[in-house]
């Protein structure tokens, strides 16, 4: 089940990545068609020759370099974000499992057969209610069952159906 949770977002992100690449290629094709129809590069070359003193040709070179550099920068940041996201998913799963295990009693509990106190490894004894409250999310409320009332408080014991109660 956990593997399905992690593969579904990866499948969605890979589909999204493919869609983004297709959009980029579509735009590149549209730019190519526009540039070839209007001879954009020839016009740029003519423009730079007319204004040679303004150094526009260097501006074009720097612009191309910046586009490539920003693309590389974006790819690296995207890879870092993906790695960080995967690490967070792993840590989240570990924390989720740890939290579910924290408030769960497991193993063998040494308990007194008479008073029902529980012994710790260091030899100390603790009431069962305190032990369970400490190791789980259980809270106790106390009352006395009818059998104990009969044994411990025989004068208070009332039989059901007794009209003297």
C-alpha atoms as a PDB file:
ATOM      1  CA  UNK A   1       0.000   0.000   0.000  1.00  0.00           C
ATOM      2  CA  UNK A   2       2.795   2.422   0.883  1.00  0.00           C
ATOM      3  CA  UNK A   3       4.519   1.774  -2.438  1.00  0.00           C
ATOM      4  CA  UNK A   4       1.338   2.724  -4.289  1.00  0.00           C
ATOM      5  CA  UNK A   5       1.250   6.034  -2.433  1.00  0.00           C
ATOM      6  CA  UNK A   6       4.801   6.847  -3.526  1.00  0.00           C
ATOM      7  CA  UNK A   7       4.511   5.632  -7.124  1.00  0.00           C
ATOM      8  CA  UNK A   8       1.316   7.530  -7.901  1.00  0.00           C
ATOM      9  CA  UNK A   9       2.844  11.003  -7.407  1.00  0.00           C
ATOM     10  CA  UNK A  10       5.944   9.934  -9.358  1.00  0.00           C
ATOM     11  CA  UNK A  11       3.735   8.728 -12.247  1.00  0.00           C
ATOM     12  CA  UNK A  12       1.811  12.002 -12.172  1.00  0.00           C
ATOM     13  CA  UNK A  13       5.023  14.030 -12.109  1.00  0.00           C
ATOM     14  CA  UNK A  14       6.515  12.038 -15.002  1.00  0.00           C
ATOM     15  CA  UNK A  15       3.338  12.611 -17.044  1.00  0.00           C
ATOM     16  CA  UNK A  16       3.511  16.296 -16.140  1.00  0.00           C
ATOM     17  CA  UNK A  17       7.179  16.402 -17.179  1.00  0.00           C
ATOM     18  CA  UNK A  18       6.378  14.814 -20.544  1.00  0.00           C
ATOM     19  CA  UNK A  19       3.533  17.298 -21.085  1.00  0.00           C
ATOM     20  CA  UNK A  20       5.848  20.219 -20.256  1.00  0.00           C
ATOM     21  CA  UNK A  21       8.480  18.922 -22.694  1.00  0.00           C
ATOM     22  CA  UNK A  22       5.850  18.578 -25.426  1.00  0.00           C
ATOM     23  CA  UNK A  23       4.733  22.169 -24.802  1.00  0.00           C
ATOM     24  CA  UNK A  24       8.348  23.367 -24.995  1.00  0.00           C
ATOM     25  CA  UNK A  25       8.873  21.533 -28.278  1.00  0.00           C
ATOM     26  CA  UNK A  26       5.604  22.940 -29.653  1.00  0.00           C
ATOM     27  CA  UNK A  27       6.717  26.478 -28.766  1.00  0.00           C
ATOM     28  CA  UNK A  28      10.149  25.820 -30.261  1.00  0.00           C
ATOM     29  CA  UNK A  29       8.510  24.670 -33.481  1.00  0.00           C
ATOM     30  CA  UNK A  30       6.270  27.767 -33.503  1.00  0.00           C
ATOM     31  CA  UNK A  31       9.312  30.016 -33.002  1.00  0.00           C
ATOM     32  CA  UNK A  32      11.122  28.176 -35.803  1.00  0.00           C
ATOM     33  CA  UNK A  33       8.173  28.665 -38.161  1.00  0.00           C
ATOM     34  CA  UNK A  34       7.934  32.368 -37.234  1.00  0.00           C
ATOM     35  CA  UNK A  35      11.700  32.903 -37.585  1.00  0.00           C
ATOM     36  CA  UNK A  36      11.899  31.123 -40.930  1.00  0.00           C
ATOM     37  CA  UNK A  37       8.855  32.972 -42.321  1.00  0.00           C
ATOM     38  CA  UNK A  38      10.126  36.438 -41.439  1.00  0.00           C
ATOM     39  CA  UNK A  39      13.887  35.810 -41.750  1.00  0.00           C
ATOM     40  CA  UNK A  40      14.376  36.983 -38.179  1.00  0.00           C
ATOM     41  CA  UNK A  41      18.060  36.116 -37.961  1.00  0.00           C
ATOM     42  CA  UNK A  42      18.877  38.016 -41.183  1.00  0.00           C
ATOM     43  CA  UNK A  43      17.011  41.045 -39.874  1.00  0.00           C
ATOM     44  CA  UNK A  44      18.913  40.855 -36.595  1.00  0.00           C
ATOM     45  CA  UNK A  45      22.218  40.644 -38.483  1.00  0.00           C
ATOM     46  CA  UNK A  46      21.268  43.676 -40.622  1.00  0.00           C
ATOM     47  CA  UNK A  47      20.227  45.580 -37.506  1.00  0.00           C
ATOM     48  CA  UNK A  48      23.498  44.819 -35.708  1.00  0.00           C
ATOM     49  CA  UNK A  49      25.531  45.895 -38.778  1.00  0.00           C
ATOM     50  CA  UNK A  50      23.650  49.201 -38.923  1.00  0.00           C
ATOM     51  CA  UNK A  51      24.295  49.913 -35.252  1.00  0.00           C
ATOM     52  CA  UNK A  52      27.735  48.360 -34.824  1.00  0.00           C
ATOM     53  CA  UNK A  53      28.770  51.063 -32.395  1.00  0.00           C
ATOM     54  CA  UNK A  54      25.980  50.004 -29.968  1.00  0.00           C
ATOM     55  CA  UNK A  55      27.448  46.480 -29.617  1.00  0.00           C
ATOM     56  CA  UNK A  56      24.092  44.703 -30.127  1.00  0.00           C
ATOM     57  CA  UNK A  57      25.803  41.589 -31.422  1.00  0.00           C
ATOM     58  CA  UNK A  58      27.443  41.088 -28.020  1.00  0.00           C
ATOM     59  CA  UNK A  59      24.071  41.590 -26.366  1.00  0.00           C
ATOM     60  CA  UNK A  60      22.644  38.740 -28.455  1.00  0.00           C
ATOM     61  CA  UNK A  61      25.569  36.474 -27.524  1.00  0.00           C
ATOM     62  CA  UNK A  62      25.171  37.307 -23.829  1.00  0.00           C
ATOM     63  CA  UNK A  63      21.401  36.746 -24.087  1.00  0.00           C
ATOM     64  CA  UNK A  64      21.895  33.289 -25.566  1.00  0.00           C
ATOM     65  CA  UNK A  65      24.419  32.466 -22.852  1.00  0.00           C
ATOM     66  CA  UNK A  66      22.005  33.683 -20.158  1.00  0.00           C
ATOM     67  CA  UNK A  67      19.186  31.530 -21.533  1.00  0.00           C
ATOM     68  CA  UNK A  68      21.402  28.446 -21.440  1.00  0.00           C
ATOM     69  CA  UNK A  69      22.796  29.306 -18.009  1.00  0.00           C
ATOM     70  CA  UNK A  70      19.319  29.901 -16.553  1.00  0.00           C
ATOM     71  CA  UNK A  71      18.078  26.632 -18.068  1.00  0.00           C
ATOM     72  CA  UNK A  72      20.973  24.768 -16.448  1.00  0.00           C
ATOM     73  CA  UNK A  73      20.393  26.591 -13.149  1.00  0.00           C
ATOM     74  CA  UNK A  74      16.681  25.705 -13.253  1.00  0.00           C
ATOM     75  CA  UNK A  75      17.407  22.053 -13.967  1.00  0.00           C
ATOM     76  CA  UNK A  76      19.776  21.829 -11.006  1.00  0.00           C
ATOM     77  CA  UNK A  77      17.335  23.543  -8.653  1.00  0.00           C
ATOM     78  CA  UNK A  78      14.572  21.222  -9.880  1.00  0.00           C
ATOM     79  CA  UNK A  79      16.749  18.149  -9.212  1.00  0.00           C
ATOM     80  CA  UNK A  80      17.600  19.441  -5.727  1.00  0.00           C
ATOM     81  CA  UNK A  81      13.929  20.079  -4.999  1.00  0.00           C
ATOM     82  CA  UNK A  82      13.007  16.592  -6.198  1.00  0.00           C
ATOM     83  CA  UNK A  83      15.701  15.011  -3.993  1.00  0.00           C
ATOM     84  CA  UNK A  84      14.556  17.073  -1.012  1.00  0.00           C
ATOM     85  CA  UNK A  85      10.948  16.075  -1.663  1.00  0.00           C
ATOM     86  CA  UNK A  86      11.877  12.381  -1.811  1.00  0.00           C
ATOM     87  CA  UNK A  87      13.840  12.710   1.425  1.00  0.00           C
ATOM     88  CA  UNK A  88      10.868  14.423   3.078  1.00  0.00           C
ATOM     89  CA  UNK A  89       8.544  11.641   1.891  1.00  0.00           C
ATOM     90  CA  UNK A  90      10.874   9.025   3.368  1.00  0.00           C
ATOM     91  CA  UNK A  91      11.175  10.900   6.670  1.00  0.00           C
ATOM     92  CA  UNK A  92       7.411  11.428   6.743  1.00  0.00           C
ATOM     93  CA  UNK A  93       6.814   7.692   6.325  1.00  0.00           C
ATOM     94  CA  UNK A  94       9.330   6.894   9.064  1.00  0.00           C
ATOM     95  CA  UNK A  95       7.697   9.435  11.394  1.00  0.00           C
ATOM     96  CA  UNK A  96       4.208   8.128  10.609  1.00  0.00           C
ATOM     97  CA  UNK A  97       5.313   4.571  11.451  1.00  0.00           C
ATOM     98  CA  UNK A  98       7.133   5.722  14.591  1.00  0.00           C
ATOM     99  CA  UNK A  99       4.107   7.658  15.817  1.00  0.00           C
ATOM    100  CA  UNK A 100       1.857   4.647  15.299  1.00  0.00           C
ATOM    101  CA  UNK A 101       4.317   2.476  17.262  1.00  0.00           C
ATOM    102  CA  UNK A 102       4.904   4.915  20.112  1.00  0.00           C
ATOM    103  CA  UNK A 103       1.483   4.622  21.752  1.00  0.00           C
ATOM    104  CA  UNK A 104       1.154   0.876  21.337  1.00  0.00           C
ATOM    105  CA  UNK A 105       1.976  -1.622  24.075  1.00  0.00           C
ATOM    106  CA  UNK A 106       4.071  -4.531  22.825  1.00  0.00           C
ATOM    107  CA  UNK A 107       5.862  -7.491  24.279  1.00  0.00           C
ATOM    108  CA  UNK A 108       5.640  -9.248  27.622  1.00  0.00           C
ATOM    109  CA  UNK A 109       4.666  -7.181  30.663  1.00  0.00           C
ATOM    110  CA  UNK A 110       5.755  -8.574  34.083  1.00  0.00           C
ATOM    111  CA  UNK A 111       2.692  -8.174  36.298  1.00  0.00           C
ATOM    112  CA  UNK A 112       2.032  -9.213  39.927  1.00  0.00           C
ATOM    113  CA  UNK A 113      -0.515 -12.023  40.101  1.00  0.00           C
ATOM    114  CA  UNK A 114      -2.104 -10.599  43.251  1.00  0.00           C
ATOM    115  CA  UNK A 115      -2.086  -6.787  43.163  1.00  0.00           C
ATOM    116  CA  UNK A 116      -1.609  -6.462  39.371  1.00  0.00           C
ATOM    117  CA  UNK A 117       1.267  -3.958  39.687  1.00  0.00           C
ATOM    118  CA  UNK A 118       3.774  -3.954  36.833  1.00  0.00           C
ATOM    119  CA  UNK A 119       7.536  -4.348  37.317  1.00  0.00           C
ATOM    120  CA  UNK A 120       9.996  -2.204  35.392  1.00  0.00           C
ATOM    121  CA  UNK A 121      13.408  -3.491  34.285  1.00  0.00           C
ATOM    122  CA  UNK A 122      15.085  -1.594  37.131  1.00  0.00           C
ATOM    123  CA  UNK A 123      12.999  -3.481  39.709  1.00  0.00           C
ATOM    124  CA  UNK A 124      10.501  -0.744  40.584  1.00  0.00           C
ATOM    125  CA  UNK A 125       6.785  -1.515  40.589  1.00  0.00           C
ATOM    126  CA  UNK A 126       3.981   0.664  39.282  1.00  0.00           C
ATOM    127  CA  UNK A 127       0.185   0.400  39.251  1.00  0.00           C
ATOM    128  CA  UNK A 128      -1.183  -1.092  36.055  1.00  0.00           C
ATOM    129  CA  UNK A 129      -3.273   2.029  35.393  1.00  0.00           C
ATOM    130  CA  UNK A 130      -0.256   4.321  35.612  1.00  0.00           C
ATOM    131  CA  UNK A 131       1.805   2.013  33.399  1.00  0.00           C
ATOM    132  CA  UNK A 132      -0.832   1.791  30.683  1.00  0.00           C
ATOM    133  CA  UNK A 133      -1.530   5.548  30.847  1.00  0.00           C
ATOM    134  CA  UNK A 134       2.201   6.216  30.460  1.00  0.00           C
ATOM    135  CA  UNK A 135       2.647   3.848  27.507  1.00  0.00           C
ATOM    136  CA  UNK A 136      -0.566   4.505  25.592  1.00  0.00           C
ATOM    137  CA  UNK A 137      -3.297   7.059  25.115  1.00  0.00           C
ATOM    138  CA  UNK A 138      -5.671   5.308  27.518  1.00  0.00           C
ATOM    139  CA  UNK A 139      -7.261   7.109  30.475  1.00  0.00           C
ATOM    140  CA  UNK A 140      -8.995   5.227  33.300  1.00  0.00           C
ATOM    141  CA  UNK A 141     -12.112   5.893  35.310  1.00  0.00           C
ATOM    142  CA  UNK A 142     -12.674   3.763  38.396  1.00  0.00           C
ATOM    143  CA  UNK A 143     -15.722   2.068  39.791  1.00  0.00           C
ATOM    144  CA  UNK A 144     -16.428  -1.167  41.668  1.00  0.00           C
ATOM    145  CA  UNK A 145     -17.995  -4.168  40.007  1.00  0.00           C
ATOM    146  CA  UNK A 146     -20.914  -5.973  41.713  1.00  0.00           C
ATOM    147  CA  UNK A 147     -18.739  -9.012  42.626  1.00  0.00           C
ATOM    148  CA  UNK A 148     -16.203  -6.835  44.450  1.00  0.00           C
ATOM    149  CA  UNK A 149     -18.960  -4.906  46.229  1.00  0.00           C
ATOM    150  CA  UNK A 150     -20.327  -8.250  47.445  1.00  0.00           C
ATOM    151  CA  UNK A 151     -16.861  -9.358  48.669  1.00  0.00           C
ATOM    152  CA  UNK A 152     -15.496  -6.098  50.045  1.00  0.00           C
ATOM    153  CA  UNK A 153     -18.667  -4.356  51.242  1.00  0.00           C
ATOM    154  CA  UNK A 154     -21.173  -7.082  52.095  1.00  0.00           C
ATOM    155  CA  UNK A 155     -23.288  -4.697  54.157  1.00  0.00           C
ATOM    156  CA  UNK A 156     -23.768  -2.427  51.103  1.00  0.00           C
ATOM    157  CA  UNK A 157     -24.567  -5.295  48.752  1.00  0.00           C
ATOM    158  CA  UNK A 158     -28.157  -5.185  47.571  1.00  0.00           C
ATOM    159  CA  UNK A 159     -29.657  -8.092  45.685  1.00  0.00           C
ATOM    160  CA  UNK A 160     -31.593  -7.153  42.579  1.00  0.00           C
ATOM    161  CA  UNK A 161     -35.280  -7.380  43.128  1.00  0.00           C
ATOM    162  CA  UNK A 162     -34.911  -6.756  46.890  1.00  0.00           C
ATOM    163  CA  UNK A 163     -37.687  -4.403  47.985  1.00  0.00           C
ATOM    164  CA  UNK A 164     -35.714  -3.106  50.977  1.00  0.00           C
ATOM    165  CA  UNK A 165     -33.318  -1.166  48.835  1.00  0.00           C
END
